[in-house]
Amino acid sequence: GYQTAMSGKWHVSNTNGQKNPQDQLDWLNHQKDFGD
């Protein structure tokens, strides 16, 4: 019966990185969006 909430760093799920290194950098740099 508890209400549950989280704020902050999750870091316990597989990371969906991009195969193309430049695509990955563009995603990290907030220049492209690759979804989840």
ModelCIF file with pLDDT and N, C-alpha, C, O atoms, coordinates in Angstrom:
data_MODEL
#
_entry.id   MODEL 
#
_entity.id                         1 
_entity.type                       polymer 
_entity.pdbx_number_of_molecules   1 
#
_entity_poly.entity_id                      1 
_entity_poly.type                           'polypeptide(L)' 
_entity_poly.nstd_linkage                   no 
_entity_poly.nstd_monomer                   no 
_entity_poly.pdbx_seq_one_letter_code       GYQTAMSGKWHVSNTNGQKNPQDQLDWLNHQKDFGD 
_entity_poly.pdbx_seq_one_letter_code_can   GYQTAMSGKWHVSNTNGQKNPQDQLDWLNHQKDFGD 
_entity_poly.pdbx_strand_id                 A 
#
loop_
_entity_poly_seq.entity_id 
_entity_poly_seq.num 
_entity_poly_seq.mon_id 
_entity_poly_seq.hetero 
1 1  GLY n 
1 2  TYR n 
1 3  GLN n 
1 4  THR n 
1 5  ALA n 
1 6  MET n 
1 7  SER n 
1 8  GLY n 
1 9  LYS n 
1 10 TRP n 
1 11 HIS n 
1 12 VAL n 
1 13 SER n 
1 14 ASN n 
1 15 THR n 
1 16 ASN n 
1 17 GLY n 
1 18 GLN n 
1 19 LYS n 
1 20 ASN n 
1 21 PRO n 
1 22 GLN n 
1 23 ASP n 
1 24 GLN n 
1 25 LEU n 
1 26 ASP n 
1 27 TRP n 
1 28 LEU n 
1 29 ASN n 
1 30 HIS n 
1 31 GLN n 
1 32 LYS n 
1 33 ASP n 
1 34 PHE n 
1 35 GLY n 
1 36 ASP n 
#
_struct_asym.id          A 
_struct_asym.entity_id   1 
#
loop_
_ma_qa_metric.id 
_ma_qa_metric.mode 
_ma_qa_metric.name 
_ma_qa_metric.software_group_id 
_ma_qa_metric.type 
1 global pLDDT . pLDDT 
2 local  pLDDT . pLDDT 
#
_ma_qa_metric_global.metric_id      1 
_ma_qa_metric_global.metric_value   96.97 
_ma_qa_metric_global.model_id       1 
_ma_qa_metric_global.ordinal_id     1 
#
loop_
_ma_qa_metric_local.label_asym_id 
_ma_qa_metric_local.label_comp_id 
_ma_qa_metric_local.label_seq_id 
_ma_qa_metric_local.metric_id 
_ma_qa_metric_local.metric_value 
_ma_qa_metric_local.model_id 
_ma_qa_metric_local.ordinal_id 
A GLY 1  2 97.00 1 1  
A TYR 2  2 98.00 1 2  
A GLN 3  2 98.00 1 3  
A THR 4  2 98.00 1 4  
A ALA 5  2 98.00 1 5  
A MET 6  2 98.00 1 6  
A SER 7  2 98.00 1 7  
A GLY 8  2 98.00 1 8  
A LYS 9  2 98.00 1 9  
A TRP 10 2 98.00 1 10 
A HIS 11 2 98.00 1 11 
A VAL 12 2 98.00 1 12 
A SER 13 2 98.00 1 13 
A ASN 14 2 97.00 1 14 
A THR 15 2 94.00 1 15 
A ASN 16 2 88.00 1 16 
A GLY 17 2 94.00 1 17 
A GLN 18 2 96.00 1 18 
A LYS 19 2 96.00 1 19 
A ASN 20 2 97.00 1 20 
A PRO 21 2 97.00 1 21 
A GLN 22 2 98.00 1 22 
A ASP 23 2 98.00 1 23 
A GLN 24 2 98.00 1 24 
A LEU 25 2 98.00 1 25 
A ASP 26 2 98.00 1 26 
A TRP 27 2 97.00 1 27 
A LEU 28 2 97.00 1 28 
A ASN 29 2 98.00 1 29 
A HIS 30 2 97.00 1 30 
A GLN 31 2 97.00 1 31 
A LYS 32 2 97.00 1 32 
A ASP 33 2 96.00 1 33 
A PHE 34 2 97.00 1 34 
A GLY 35 2 96.00 1 35 
A ASP 36 2 97.00 1 36 
#
loop_
_atom_site.group_PDB 
_atom_site.id 
_atom_site.type_symbol 
_atom_site.label_atom_id 
_atom_site.label_alt_id 
_atom_site.label_comp_id 
_atom_site.label_asym_id 
_atom_site.label_entity_id 
_atom_site.label_seq_id 
_atom_site.pdbx_PDB_ins_code 
_atom_site.Cartn_x 
_atom_site.Cartn_y 
_atom_site.Cartn_z 
_atom_site.occupancy 
_atom_site.B_iso_or_equiv 
_atom_site.pdbx_formal_charge 
_atom_site.auth_seq_id 
_atom_site.auth_comp_id 
_atom_site.auth_asym_id 
_atom_site.auth_atom_id 
_atom_site.pdbx_PDB_model_num 
ATOM 1   N N  . GLY A 1 1  ? 0.777  -1.233 0.000   1.00 97.00 ? 1  GLY A N  1 
ATOM 2   C CA . GLY A 1 1  ? 0.000  0.000  0.000   1.00 97.00 ? 1  GLY A CA 1 
ATOM 3   C C  . GLY A 1 1  ? 0.805  1.277  0.000   1.00 97.00 ? 1  GLY A C  1 
ATOM 4   O O  . GLY A 1 1  ? 0.249  2.353  0.220   1.00 97.00 ? 1  GLY A O  1 
ATOM 5   N N  . TYR A 1 2  ? 2.103  1.187  -0.242  1.00 98.00 ? 2  TYR A N  1 
ATOM 6   C CA . TYR A 1 2  ? 2.935  2.387  -0.283  1.00 98.00 ? 2  TYR A CA 1 
ATOM 7   C C  . TYR A 1 2  ? 2.850  3.071  -1.643  1.00 98.00 ? 2  TYR A C  1 
ATOM 8   O O  . TYR A 1 2  ? 2.773  2.410  -2.679  1.00 98.00 ? 2  TYR A O  1 
ATOM 9   N N  . GLN A 1 3  ? 2.866  4.398  -1.626  1.00 98.00 ? 3  GLN A N  1 
ATOM 10  C CA . GLN A 1 3  ? 3.090  5.175  -2.832  1.00 98.00 ? 3  GLN A CA 1 
ATOM 11  C C  . GLN A 1 3  ? 4.595  5.183  -3.079  1.00 98.00 ? 3  GLN A C  1 
ATOM 12  O O  . GLN A 1 3  ? 5.372  5.223  -2.125  1.00 98.00 ? 3  GLN A O  1 
ATOM 13  N N  . THR A 1 4  ? 5.018  5.146  -4.331  1.00 98.00 ? 4  THR A N  1 
ATOM 14  C CA . THR A 1 4  ? 6.446  4.984  -4.625  1.00 98.00 ? 4  THR A CA 1 
ATOM 15  C C  . THR A 1 4  ? 6.905  6.022  -5.650  1.00 98.00 ? 4  THR A C  1 
ATOM 16  O O  . THR A 1 4  ? 6.205  6.294  -6.625  1.00 98.00 ? 4  THR A O  1 
ATOM 17  N N  . ALA A 1 5  ? 8.059  6.583  -5.424  1.00 98.00 ? 5  ALA A N  1 
ATOM 18  C CA . ALA A 1 5  ? 8.598  7.585  -6.339  1.00 98.00 ? 5  ALA A CA 1 
ATOM 19  C C  . ALA A 1 5  ? 10.114 7.553  -6.294  1.00 98.00 ? 5  ALA A C  1 
ATOM 20  O O  . ALA A 1 5  ? 10.723 7.170  -5.295  1.00 98.00 ? 5  ALA A O  1 
ATOM 21  N N  . MET A 1 6  ? 10.705 7.966  -7.403  1.00 98.00 ? 6  MET A N  1 
ATOM 22  C CA . MET A 1 6  ? 12.161 8.035  -7.481  1.00 98.00 ? 6  MET A CA 1 
ATOM 23  C C  . MET A 1 6  ? 12.567 9.320  -8.178  1.00 98.00 ? 6  MET A C  1 
ATOM 24  O O  . MET A 1 6  ? 11.913 9.770  -9.118  1.00 98.00 ? 6  MET A O  1 
ATOM 25  N N  . SER A 1 7  ? 13.667 9.906  -7.696  1.00 98.00 ? 7  SER A N  1 
ATOM 26  C CA . SER A 1 7  ? 14.267 11.072 -8.325  1.00 98.00 ? 7  SER A CA 1 
ATOM 27  C C  . SER A 1 7  ? 15.767 10.842 -8.402  1.00 98.00 ? 7  SER A C  1 
ATOM 28  O O  . SER A 1 7  ? 16.409 10.576 -7.386  1.00 98.00 ? 7  SER A O  1 
ATOM 29  N N  . GLY A 1 8  ? 16.331 10.943 -9.602  1.00 98.00 ? 8  GLY A N  1 
ATOM 30  C CA . GLY A 1 8  ? 17.782 10.834 -9.717  1.00 98.00 ? 8  GLY A CA 1 
ATOM 31  C C  . GLY A 1 8  ? 18.265 9.788  -10.694 1.00 98.00 ? 8  GLY A C  1 
ATOM 32  O O  . GLY A 1 8  ? 17.650 9.544  -11.732 1.00 98.00 ? 8  GLY A O  1 
ATOM 33  N N  . LYS A 1 9  ? 19.386 9.173  -10.337 1.00 98.00 ? 9  LYS A N  1 
ATOM 34  C CA . LYS A 1 9  ? 20.138 8.285  -11.233 1.00 98.00 ? 9  LYS A CA 1 
ATOM 35  C C  . LYS A 1 9  ? 19.638 6.847  -11.142 1.00 98.00 ? 9  LYS A C  1 
ATOM 36  O O  . LYS A 1 9  ? 19.628 6.264  -10.058 1.00 98.00 ? 9  LYS A O  1 
ATOM 37  N N  . TRP A 1 10 ? 19.225 6.270  -12.267 1.00 98.00 ? 10 TRP A N  1 
ATOM 38  C CA . TRP A 1 10 ? 18.739 4.893  -12.326 1.00 98.00 ? 10 TRP A CA 1 
ATOM 39  C C  . TRP A 1 10 ? 19.906 3.932  -12.519 1.00 98.00 ? 10 TRP A C  1 
ATOM 40  O O  . TRP A 1 10 ? 20.289 3.239  -11.577 1.00 98.00 ? 10 TRP A O  1 
ATOM 41  N N  . HIS A 1 11 ? 20.475 3.876  -13.716 1.00 98.00 ? 11 HIS A N  1 
ATOM 42  C CA . HIS A 1 11 ? 21.729 3.159  -13.997 1.00 98.00 ? 11 HIS A CA 1 
ATOM 43  C C  . HIS A 1 11 ? 21.684 1.665  -13.691 1.00 98.00 ? 11 HIS A C  1 
ATOM 44  O O  . HIS A 1 11 ? 22.692 1.081  -13.294 1.00 98.00 ? 11 HIS A O  1 
ATOM 45  N N  . VAL A 1 12 ? 20.523 1.049  -13.874 1.00 98.00 ? 12 VAL A N  1 
ATOM 46  C CA . VAL A 1 12 ? 20.428 -0.408 -13.737 1.00 98.00 ? 12 VAL A CA 1 
ATOM 47  C C  . VAL A 1 12 ? 19.626 -0.980 -14.905 1.00 98.00 ? 12 VAL A C  1 
ATOM 48  O O  . VAL A 1 12 ? 18.833 -1.906 -14.730 1.00 98.00 ? 12 VAL A O  1 
ATOM 49  N N  . SER A 1 13 ? 19.840 -0.419 -16.097 1.00 98.00 ? 13 SER A N  1 
ATOM 50  C CA . SER A 1 13 ? 19.180 -0.923 -17.306 1.00 98.00 ? 13 SER A CA 1 
ATOM 51  C C  . SER A 1 13 ? 20.186 -0.909 -18.448 1.00 98.00 ? 13 SER A C  1 
ATOM 52  O O  . SER A 1 13 ? 21.157 -0.154 -18.421 1.00 98.00 ? 13 SER A O  1 
ATOM 53  N N  . ASN A 1 14 ? 19.949 -1.741 -19.442 1.00 97.00 ? 14 ASN A N  1 
ATOM 54  C CA . ASN A 1 14 ? 20.851 -1.791 -20.590 1.00 97.00 ? 14 ASN A CA 1 
ATOM 55  C C  . ASN A 1 14 ? 20.864 -0.438 -21.308 1.00 97.00 ? 14 ASN A C  1 
ATOM 56  O O  . ASN A 1 14 ? 19.828 0.213  -21.446 1.00 97.00 ? 14 ASN A O  1 
ATOM 57  N N  . THR A 1 15 ? 22.022 -0.035 -21.751 1.00 94.00 ? 15 THR A N  1 
ATOM 58  C CA . THR A 1 15 ? 22.172 1.264  -22.414 1.00 94.00 ? 15 THR A CA 1 
ATOM 59  C C  . THR A 1 15 ? 22.040 1.103  -23.923 1.00 94.00 ? 15 THR A C  1 
ATOM 60  O O  . THR A 1 15 ? 22.769 0.329  -24.545 1.00 94.00 ? 15 THR A O  1 
ATOM 61  N N  . ASN A 1 16 ? 21.102 1.844  -24.501 1.00 88.00 ? 16 ASN A N  1 
ATOM 62  C CA . ASN A 1 16 ? 20.851 1.779  -25.940 1.00 88.00 ? 16 ASN A CA 1 
ATOM 63  C C  . ASN A 1 16 ? 21.781 2.727  -26.686 1.00 88.00 ? 16 ASN A C  1 
ATOM 64  O O  . ASN A 1 16 ? 21.354 3.794  -27.128 1.00 88.00 ? 16 ASN A O  1 
ATOM 65  N N  . GLY A 1 17 ? 23.040 2.351  -26.829 1.00 94.00 ? 17 GLY A N  1 
ATOM 66  C CA . GLY A 1 17 ? 23.981 3.193  -27.556 1.00 94.00 ? 17 GLY A CA 1 
ATOM 67  C C  . GLY A 1 17 ? 23.823 3.058  -29.057 1.00 94.00 ? 17 GLY A C  1 
ATOM 68  O O  . GLY A 1 17 ? 23.247 2.086  -29.547 1.00 94.00 ? 17 GLY A O  1 
ATOM 69  N N  . GLN A 1 18 ? 24.336 4.036  -29.783 1.00 96.00 ? 18 GLN A N  1 
ATOM 70  C CA . GLN A 1 18 ? 24.271 4.028  -31.241 1.00 96.00 ? 18 GLN A CA 1 
ATOM 71  C C  . GLN A 1 18 ? 25.520 3.365  -31.831 1.00 96.00 ? 18 GLN A C  1 
ATOM 72  O O  . GLN A 1 18 ? 26.624 3.539  -31.314 1.00 96.00 ? 18 GLN A O  1 
ATOM 73  N N  . LYS A 1 19 ? 25.342 2.621  -32.894 1.00 96.00 ? 19 LYS A N  1 
ATOM 74  C CA . LYS A 1 19 ? 26.469 1.912  -33.506 1.00 96.00 ? 19 LYS A CA 1 
ATOM 75  C C  . LYS A 1 19 ? 27.462 2.880  -34.132 1.00 96.00 ? 19 LYS A C  1 
ATOM 76  O O  . LYS A 1 19 ? 28.672 2.657  -34.097 1.00 96.00 ? 19 LYS A O  1 
ATOM 77  N N  . ASN A 1 20 ? 26.936 3.958  -34.707 1.00 97.00 ? 20 ASN A N  1 
ATOM 78  C CA . ASN A 1 20 ? 27.804 4.941  -35.337 1.00 97.00 ? 20 ASN A CA 1 
ATOM 79  C C  . ASN A 1 20 ? 28.312 5.913  -34.266 1.00 97.00 ? 20 ASN A C  1 
ATOM 80  O O  . ASN A 1 20 ? 27.503 6.587  -33.630 1.00 97.00 ? 20 ASN A O  1 
ATOM 81  N N  . PRO A 1 21 ? 29.639 6.004  -34.050 1.00 97.00 ? 21 PRO A N  1 
ATOM 82  C CA . PRO A 1 21 ? 30.170 6.873  -32.986 1.00 97.00 ? 21 PRO A CA 1 
ATOM 83  C C  . PRO A 1 21 ? 29.744 8.334  -33.120 1.00 97.00 ? 21 PRO A C  1 
ATOM 84  O O  . PRO A 1 21 ? 29.509 9.008  -32.117 1.00 97.00 ? 21 PRO A O  1 
ATOM 85  N N  . GLN A 1 22 ? 29.645 8.826  -34.364 1.00 98.00 ? 22 GLN A N  1 
ATOM 86  C CA . GLN A 1 22 ? 29.230 10.221 -34.540 1.00 98.00 ? 22 GLN A CA 1 
ATOM 87  C C  . GLN A 1 22 ? 27.773 10.412 -34.145 1.00 98.00 ? 22 GLN A C  1 
ATOM 88  O O  . GLN A 1 22 ? 27.409 11.433 -33.562 1.00 98.00 ? 22 GLN A O  1 
ATOM 89  N N  . ASP A 1 23 ? 26.929 9.411  -34.469 1.00 98.00 ? 23 ASP A N  1 
ATOM 90  C CA . ASP A 1 23 ? 25.533 9.481  -34.028 1.00 98.00 ? 23 ASP A CA 1 
ATOM 91  C C  . ASP A 1 23 ? 25.444 9.527  -32.497 1.00 98.00 ? 23 ASP A C  1 
ATOM 92  O O  . ASP A 1 23 ? 24.642 10.263 -31.923 1.00 98.00 ? 23 ASP A O  1 
ATOM 93  N N  . GLN A 1 24 ? 26.288 8.722  -31.865 1.00 98.00 ? 24 GLN A N  1 
ATOM 94  C CA . GLN A 1 24 ? 26.286 8.706  -30.398 1.00 98.00 ? 24 GLN A CA 1 
ATOM 95  C C  . GLN A 1 24 ? 26.684 10.068 -29.840 1.00 98.00 ? 24 GLN A C  1 
ATOM 96  O O  . GLN A 1 24 ? 26.056 10.562 -28.904 1.00 98.00 ? 24 GLN A O  1 
ATOM 97  N N  . LEU A 1 25 ? 27.720 10.676 -30.407 1.00 98.00 ? 25 LEU A N  1 
ATOM 98  C CA . LEU A 1 25 ? 28.142 11.994 -29.957 1.00 98.00 ? 25 LEU A CA 1 
ATOM 99  C C  . LEU A 1 25 ? 27.052 13.039 -30.202 1.00 98.00 ? 25 LEU A C  1 
ATOM 100 O O  . LEU A 1 25 ? 26.799 13.892 -29.352 1.00 98.00 ? 25 LEU A O  1 
ATOM 101 N N  . ASP A 1 26 ? 26.412 12.967 -31.365 1.00 98.00 ? 26 ASP A N  1 
ATOM 102 C CA . ASP A 1 26 ? 25.341 13.922 -31.660 1.00 98.00 ? 26 ASP A CA 1 
ATOM 103 C C  . ASP A 1 26 ? 24.187 13.772 -30.673 1.00 98.00 ? 26 ASP A C  1 
ATOM 104 O O  . ASP A 1 26 ? 23.534 14.753 -30.319 1.00 98.00 ? 26 ASP A O  1 
ATOM 105 N N  . TRP A 1 27 ? 23.942 12.551 -30.237 1.00 97.00 ? 27 TRP A N  1 
ATOM 106 C CA . TRP A 1 27 ? 22.884 12.305 -29.243 1.00 97.00 ? 27 TRP A CA 1 
ATOM 107 C C  . TRP A 1 27 ? 23.300 12.897 -27.889 1.00 97.00 ? 27 TRP A C  1 
ATOM 108 O O  . TRP A 1 27 ? 22.518 13.577 -27.225 1.00 97.00 ? 27 TRP A O  1 
ATOM 109 N N  . LEU A 1 28 ? 24.545 12.622 -27.501 1.00 97.00 ? 28 LEU A N  1 
ATOM 110 C CA . LEU A 1 28 ? 25.054 13.148 -26.232 1.00 97.00 ? 28 LEU A CA 1 
ATOM 111 C C  . LEU A 1 28 ? 25.087 14.677 -26.230 1.00 97.00 ? 28 LEU A C  1 
ATOM 112 O O  . LEU A 1 28 ? 24.885 15.313 -25.196 1.00 97.00 ? 28 LEU A O  1 
ATOM 113 N N  . ASN A 1 29 ? 25.346 15.255 -27.402 1.00 98.00 ? 29 ASN A N  1 
ATOM 114 C CA . ASN A 1 29 ? 25.443 16.709 -27.532 1.00 98.00 ? 29 ASN A CA 1 
ATOM 115 C C  . ASN A 1 29 ? 24.076 17.375 -27.715 1.00 98.00 ? 29 ASN A C  1 
ATOM 116 O O  . ASN A 1 29 ? 24.000 18.584 -27.934 1.00 98.00 ? 29 ASN A O  1 
ATOM 117 N N  . HIS A 1 30 ? 23.003 16.594 -27.626 1.00 97.00 ? 30 HIS A N  1 
ATOM 118 C CA . HIS A 1 30 ? 21.629 17.098 -27.778 1.00 97.00 ? 30 HIS A CA 1 
ATOM 119 C C  . HIS A 1 30 ? 21.374 17.645 -29.185 1.00 97.00 ? 30 HIS A C  1 
ATOM 120 O O  . HIS A 1 30 ? 20.578 18.566 -29.369 1.00 97.00 ? 30 HIS A O  1 
ATOM 121 N N  . GLN A 1 31 ? 22.059 17.064 -30.169 1.00 97.00 ? 31 GLN A N  1 
ATOM 122 C CA . GLN A 1 31 ? 21.860 17.501 -31.552 1.00 97.00 ? 31 GLN A CA 1 
ATOM 123 C C  . GLN A 1 31 ? 20.940 16.560 -32.326 1.00 97.00 ? 31 GLN A C  1 
ATOM 124 O O  . GLN A 1 31 ? 20.311 16.977 -33.298 1.00 97.00 ? 31 GLN A O  1 
ATOM 125 N N  . LYS A 1 32 ? 20.856 15.312 -31.913 1.00 97.00 ? 32 LYS A N  1 
ATOM 126 C CA . LYS A 1 32 ? 19.983 14.320 -32.541 1.00 97.00 ? 32 LYS A CA 1 
ATOM 127 C C  . LYS A 1 32 ? 19.210 13.570 -31.463 1.00 97.00 ? 32 LYS A C  1 
ATOM 128 O O  . LYS A 1 32 ? 19.613 13.542 -30.301 1.00 97.00 ? 32 LYS A O  1 
ATOM 129 N N  . ASP A 1 33 ? 18.106 12.969 -31.860 1.00 96.00 ? 33 ASP A N  1 
ATOM 130 C CA . ASP A 1 33 ? 17.265 12.218 -30.927 1.00 96.00 ? 33 ASP A CA 1 
ATOM 131 C C  . ASP A 1 33 ? 17.112 10.796 -31.451 1.00 96.00 ? 33 ASP A C  1 
ATOM 132 O O  . ASP A 1 33 ? 16.660 10.582 -32.576 1.00 96.00 ? 33 ASP A O  1 
ATOM 133 N N  . PHE A 1 34 ? 17.487 9.842  -30.634 1.00 97.00 ? 34 PHE A N  1 
ATOM 134 C CA . PHE A 1 34 ? 17.379 8.438  -31.029 1.00 97.00 ? 34 PHE A CA 1 
ATOM 135 C C  . PHE A 1 34 ? 16.414 7.662  -30.135 1.00 97.00 ? 34 PHE A C  1 
ATOM 136 O O  . PHE A 1 34 ? 16.497 6.437  -30.040 1.00 97.00 ? 34 PHE A O  1 
ATOM 137 N N  . GLY A 1 35 ? 15.507 8.373  -29.486 1.00 96.00 ? 35 GLY A N  1 
ATOM 138 C CA . GLY A 1 35 ? 14.436 7.702  -28.749 1.00 96.00 ? 35 GLY A CA 1 
ATOM 139 C C  . GLY A 1 35 ? 14.838 7.267  -27.357 1.00 96.00 ? 35 GLY A C  1 
ATOM 140 O O  . GLY A 1 35 ? 15.591 7.950  -26.663 1.00 96.00 ? 35 GLY A O  1 
ATOM 141 N N  . ASP A 1 36 ? 14.314 6.106  -26.959 1.00 97.00 ? 36 ASP A N  1 
ATOM 142 C CA . ASP A 1 36 ? 14.480 5.637  -25.588 1.00 97.00 ? 36 ASP A CA 1 
ATOM 143 C C  . ASP A 1 36 ? 15.951 5.354  -25.272 1.00 97.00 ? 36 ASP A C  1 
ATOM 144 O O  . ASP A 1 36 ? 16.276 4.948  -24.156 1.00 97.00 ? 36 ASP A O  1 
#
